[in-house]
Protein backbone atom coordinates (compact mmCIF):
# COMPACT_ATOMS: atom_id res chain seq x y z
CA MET A 1 0.00 0.00 0.00
CA THR A 2 1.41 3.37 -0.99
CA GLU A 3 1.15 6.44 1.16
CA ASN A 4 -1.11 8.31 -1.30
CA ARG A 5 -3.46 5.35 -1.78
CA PRO A 6 -5.57 5.17 1.40
CA THR A 7 -7.77 2.19 2.12
CA ASN A 8 -11.08 2.14 3.92
CA ASN A 9 -11.35 -1.40 5.14
CA GLY A 10 -12.13 -0.81 8.81
CA TYR A 11 -15.26 1.23 8.16
CA ILE A 12 -18.64 -0.49 8.30
CA PRO A 13 -21.54 1.99 8.17
CA LYS A 14 -24.66 1.18 10.13
CA THR A 15 -26.75 2.11 7.10
CA ALA A 16 -25.49 2.68 3.56
CA MET A 17 -27.50 3.94 0.60
CA PHE A 18 -26.29 3.25 -2.93
CA ILE A 19 -28.03 5.57 -5.41
CA VAL A 20 -27.57 5.00 -9.15
CA ALA A 21 -29.18 5.67 -12.51
CA HIS A 22 -29.85 2.16 -13.85
CA PRO A 23 -30.24 -1.47 -12.90
CA ASP A 24 -26.74 -3.06 -13.11
CA ASP A 25 -24.83 0.18 -12.30
CA ILE A 26 -24.16 -1.07 -8.77
CA GLU A 27 -23.06 -4.50 -9.95
CA PHE A 28 -20.56 -3.00 -12.37
CA GLY A 29 -19.24 -0.41 -9.94
CA MET A 30 -19.56 -1.23 -6.26
CA ALA A 31 -21.43 -4.43 -5.40
CA GLY A 32 -18.27 -5.84 -3.82
CA THR A 33 -18.29 -3.01 -1.29
CA ALA A 34 -22.02 -3.45 -0.71
CA ALA A 35 -21.48 -7.15 0.01
CA LYS A 36 -18.54 -6.37 2.32
CA TRP A 37 -20.60 -3.91 4.32
CA VAL A 38 -23.56 -6.28 4.57
CA GLN A 39 -21.24 -8.99 5.88
CA GLY A 40 -19.99 -6.48 8.46
CA GLY A 41 -23.51 -5.80 9.71
CA SER A 42 -24.64 -2.89 7.53
CA ARG A 43 -28.16 -2.31 6.36
CA VAL A 44 -27.64 -1.65 2.65
CA ILE A 45 -30.30 0.01 0.51
CA TYR A 46 -30.15 0.34 -3.25
CA VAL A 47 -32.01 3.25 -4.84
CA VAL A 48 -32.36 2.80 -8.61
CA ILE A 49 -33.65 5.98 -10.20
CA THR A 50 -34.59 4.79 -13.70
CA ASP A 51 -35.95 1.44 -14.80
CA GLY A 52 -33.39 1.07 -17.58
CA ASN A 53 -36.40 0.65 -19.83
CA VAL A 54 -34.81 1.51 -23.18
CA GLY A 55 -31.75 -0.72 -22.86
CA SER A 56 -32.72 -3.40 -25.37
CA HIS A 57 -32.48 -4.12 -29.09
CA GLU A 58 -34.76 -7.16 -28.89
CA ASN A 59 -37.57 -7.27 -31.45
CA GLY A 60 -40.97 -6.85 -29.85
CA MET A 61 -39.61 -5.51 -26.57
CA THR A 62 -41.56 -2.66 -24.98
CA ARG A 63 -40.58 -0.20 -22.28
CA GLU A 64 -43.14 -1.73 -19.94
CA LYS A 65 -41.86 -5.29 -20.41
CA LEU A 66 -38.26 -4.19 -20.09
CA ALA A 67 -38.90 -2.18 -16.93
CA GLU A 68 -40.50 -5.22 -15.30
CA LEU A 69 -37.63 -7.46 -16.39
CA ARG A 70 -34.92 -5.12 -15.24
CA ARG A 71 -36.53 -4.55 -11.85
CA ALA A 72 -36.66 -8.31 -11.38
CA GLU A 73 -33.01 -8.65 -12.38
CA GLN A 74 -31.93 -5.87 -10.02
CA THR A 75 -33.92 -7.32 -7.15
CA ALA A 76 -32.26 -10.71 -7.70
CA ALA A 77 -28.82 -9.06 -7.85
CA ALA A 78 -29.45 -7.20 -4.59
CA GLU A 79 -30.52 -10.43 -2.90
CA VAL A 80 -27.16 -11.98 -3.76
CA VAL A 81 -25.38 -9.49 -1.50
CA GLY A 82 -28.16 -9.00 1.05
CA ALA A 83 -29.33 -5.53 0.00
CA THR A 84 -32.86 -4.23 -0.54
CA CYS A 85 -34.07 -2.19 -3.52
CA ILE A 86 -36.12 0.97 -3.95
CA PHE A 87 -37.15 1.86 -7.51
CA LEU A 88 -38.10 5.43 -8.40
CA GLY A 89 -39.44 4.53 -11.85
CA TYR A 90 -37.95 7.28 -14.00
CA ASP A 91 -37.54 6.65 -17.73
CA ASP A 92 -34.13 5.61 -18.98
CA GLY A 93 -32.29 8.15 -21.13
CA PHE A 94 -34.12 11.26 -19.94
CA LEU A 95 -32.79 11.70 -16.42
CA GLN A 96 -32.18 15.24 -15.21
CA PRO A 97 -31.01 16.46 -11.77
CA THR A 98 -34.29 18.24 -11.12
CA LEU A 99 -35.50 19.83 -7.91
CA GLU A 100 -38.25 17.19 -7.82
CA LEU A 101 -35.70 14.36 -7.88
CA ARG A 102 -33.56 16.10 -5.29
CA LYS A 103 -36.51 16.27 -2.88
CA LYS A 104 -37.34 12.60 -3.45
CA LEU A 105 -33.77 11.67 -2.57
CA VAL A 106 -33.81 13.92 0.50
CA ARG A 107 -37.02 12.20 1.62
CA LEU A 108 -35.40 8.78 1.31
CA MET A 109 -32.22 9.85 3.05
CA ARG A 110 -34.13 11.37 5.95
CA GLN A 111 -36.31 8.27 6.17
CA TYR A 112 -33.43 5.76 6.27
CA ARG A 113 -30.70 8.12 7.55
CA PRO A 114 -27.69 6.47 5.90
CA ASP A 115 -24.35 7.48 7.34
CA ALA A 116 -22.68 6.49 4.05
CA VAL A 117 -24.06 7.42 0.64
CA VAL A 118 -22.59 5.94 -2.53
CA CYS A 119 -23.19 7.65 -5.87
CA MET A 120 -21.84 8.18 -9.38
CA ASP A 121 -19.51 10.94 -10.57
CA PRO A 122 -21.31 13.87 -12.24
CA THR A 123 -18.03 15.22 -13.64
CA ASN A 124 -16.99 12.05 -15.49
CA PHE A 125 -17.86 12.78 -19.13
CA PHE A 126 -15.31 10.65 -21.01
CA PRO A 127 -13.24 8.28 -18.86
CA SER A 128 -11.36 6.94 -21.89
CA ASP A 129 -10.81 7.71 -25.56
CA ASP A 130 -13.34 5.08 -26.62
CA TYR A 131 -16.18 5.68 -24.16
CA ILE A 132 -18.59 8.49 -23.28
CA ASN A 133 -20.20 8.21 -19.87
CA HIS A 134 -23.98 7.87 -19.97
CA PRO A 135 -25.75 11.19 -19.28
CA ASP A 136 -28.07 9.45 -16.81
CA HIS A 137 -25.01 8.47 -14.75
CA ARG A 138 -23.90 12.08 -14.53
CA ALA A 139 -27.41 13.37 -13.80
CA ALA A 140 -27.87 10.81 -11.02
CA GLY A 141 -24.55 11.76 -9.45
CA GLN A 142 -25.39 15.44 -9.43
CA ALA A 143 -28.84 14.83 -7.97
CA VAL A 144 -27.39 12.75 -5.14
CA LEU A 145 -24.65 15.22 -4.27
CA ASP A 146 -27.12 18.12 -4.31
CA ALA A 147 -29.39 16.14 -1.98
CA VAL A 148 -26.58 15.18 0.40
CA PHE A 149 -25.36 18.75 0.78
CA PRO A 150 -26.88 20.92 1.88
CA ALA A 151 -30.48 19.86 1.25
CA VAL A 152 -30.74 16.83 3.55
CA GLU A 153 -29.53 18.92 6.49
CA MET A 154 -31.82 21.92 6.13
CA ASP A 155 -35.22 21.64 7.86
CA LEU A 156 -36.28 25.05 6.58
CA LEU A 157 -35.67 23.98 2.99
CA TYR A 158 -38.43 21.35 3.15
CA PRO A 159 -40.71 22.28 6.07
CA ASP A 160 -43.32 19.81 4.83
CA LEU A 161 -40.86 16.94 5.28
CA ALA A 162 -39.85 18.21 8.70
CA ALA A 163 -43.54 18.39 9.65
CA GLU A 164 -43.82 14.69 8.77
CA GLY A 165 -41.00 13.96 11.20
CA LEU A 166 -38.40 13.67 8.44
CA THR A 167 -35.98 16.11 9.98
CA GLY A 168 -32.55 17.03 8.69
CA TYR A 169 -29.34 15.23 9.56
CA LYS A 170 -25.77 15.11 8.30
CA VAL A 171 -24.31 12.28 6.24
CA ASN A 172 -20.90 11.09 7.40
CA TYR A 173 -19.31 10.01 4.12
CA VAL A 174 -20.03 10.13 0.41
CA TYR A 175 -18.36 7.56 -1.82
CA VAL A 176 -18.23 8.61 -5.46
CA THR A 177 -17.76 5.65 -7.78
CA LEU A 178 -16.73 5.33 -11.43
CA SER A 179 -14.67 8.47 -10.91
CA GLN A 180 -11.44 9.43 -12.60
CA LYS A 181 -10.20 10.49 -9.17
CA ALA A 182 -9.69 7.95 -6.39
CA ASN A 183 -8.64 8.54 -2.80
CA CYS A 184 -10.11 5.38 -1.29
CA PHE A 185 -9.57 1.71 -2.13
CA ILE A 186 -11.76 -0.97 -0.61
CA ASP A 187 -10.57 -4.57 -0.46
CA ILE A 188 -13.24 -6.80 -2.04
CA SER A 189 -11.12 -9.94 -2.23
CA ASP A 190 -13.61 -11.77 0.00
CA THR A 191 -16.65 -10.55 -1.94
CA ILE A 192 -15.55 -10.51 -5.58
CA ASP A 193 -17.38 -13.79 -6.21
CA LEU A 194 -20.61 -12.29 -4.85
CA LYS A 195 -20.11 -9.26 -7.09
CA VAL A 196 -19.74 -11.51 -10.13
CA GLU A 197 -22.76 -13.60 -9.13
CA ALA A 198 -24.84 -10.44 -8.73
CA LEU A 199 -23.75 -9.08 -12.10
CA LYS A 200 -24.83 -12.31 -13.79
CA LYS A 201 -28.43 -11.63 -12.75
CA HIS A 202 -28.56 -8.90 -15.43
CA ALA A 203 -28.62 -11.42 -18.27
CA SER A 204 -30.86 -9.25 -20.46
CA GLN A 205 -28.09 -6.70 -20.87
CA PHE A 206 -24.90 -8.49 -21.87
CA GLU A 207 -23.07 -11.78 -22.32
CA VAL A 208 -22.60 -12.61 -18.67
CA ALA A 209 -19.34 -14.58 -18.92
CA GLU A 210 -17.59 -11.75 -20.75
CA ALA A 211 -18.95 -9.12 -18.33
CA ALA A 212 -17.83 -11.20 -15.35
CA LYS A 213 -14.33 -11.48 -16.79
CA MET A 214 -14.24 -7.71 -17.35
CA ILE A 215 -15.18 -6.74 -13.80
CA ARG A 216 -12.66 -9.18 -12.36
CA THR A 217 -9.98 -7.56 -14.53
CA TRP A 218 -10.98 -4.10 -13.35
CA ALA A 219 -10.89 -5.21 -9.71
CA VAL A 220 -7.47 -6.80 -10.13
CA GLU A 221 -6.09 -3.62 -11.70
CA ALA A 222 -7.47 -1.51 -8.85
CA GLY A 223 -6.14 -3.90 -6.24
CA LYS A 224 -2.62 -3.85 -7.63
CA GLN A 225 -2.35 -0.17 -6.70
CA VAL A 226 -2.66 -0.97 -2.98
CA GLY A 227 -1.62 -4.60 -2.68
CA PHE A 228 -5.08 -6.20 -2.67
CA ASP A 229 -6.13 -9.11 -4.85
CA TYR A 230 -9.33 -7.26 -5.80
CA ALA A 231 -10.46 -3.73 -5.00
CA GLU A 232 -13.06 -1.10 -5.78
CA THR A 233 -12.09 2.56 -5.95
CA PHE A 234 -13.92 5.65 -4.79
CA TYR A 235 -13.46 9.34 -4.25
CA ARG A 236 -14.45 9.60 -0.59
CA ILE A 237 -15.81 12.88 0.78
CA THR A 238 -15.83 13.28 4.56
CA LEU A 239 -18.66 15.53 5.71
CA ARG A 240 -18.61 14.42 9.35
CA PRO A 241 -16.06 11.93 10.68
CA ALA A 242 -17.69 8.76 11.93
CA GLU A 243 -16.60 9.27 15.54
CA ALA A 244 -18.90 12.32 15.54
CA GLY A 245 -21.88 10.22 14.46
CA ASN A 246 -22.81 6.71 13.40
CA GLY A 247 -20.63 3.94 12.08
CA SER A 248 -17.07 2.91 12.81
CA GLN A 249 -14.16 5.09 11.82
CA PRO A 250 -12.45 4.42 8.46
CA GLU A 251 -8.85 3.41 8.38
CA SER A 252 -6.57 5.71 6.41
């Protein structure tokens, strides 16, 4: 492990919320961490904003059929690691970081009060010279970050939520995944097989054997940077150190 490559392997949040654009985003990016936290005693909640209901080239497929299929696949994938799913039902391909979506996310955060929130990187437009990041990924990331700070903290911003008893609180950590910046590496050597098994539940989207090989390769490459067999990388933002709130303190 190098000095400028911190790890985060001692931290197990009491509640973690993973918020993404599409079914399968978590399995590609951070299901190994979700499984690790569940095994450590976390309550892990997946929030999937869109139904991924245009992601098919199959003749005769409709948005309605695909939404039902992809929700079923995501639910099965979450069950592999012990997480639960919440689906917001937005249409694939049209996601925007609207004020309406921000409030929905604030409501969920105040309801479940995660001390760790995991989201996508809104600044990651083109991670390589042969790939453009999906606009829904970026929109989802912005919506989550805007909800985490400052909206979820501010009772006066949403007095109707506060009147329901959904009062403001402060998230401890935000983990930004699929980012071109990384300051946190999580060892998923014990959960890589669960990550692969979860990814395979999304059989409507890709050839599962090839996808499984790809995510193992990515995890090996990340792990080499810090001496792990397999790792997932994040840009971790500390809003309130864990000793000031819930969860155990990350190693650094």
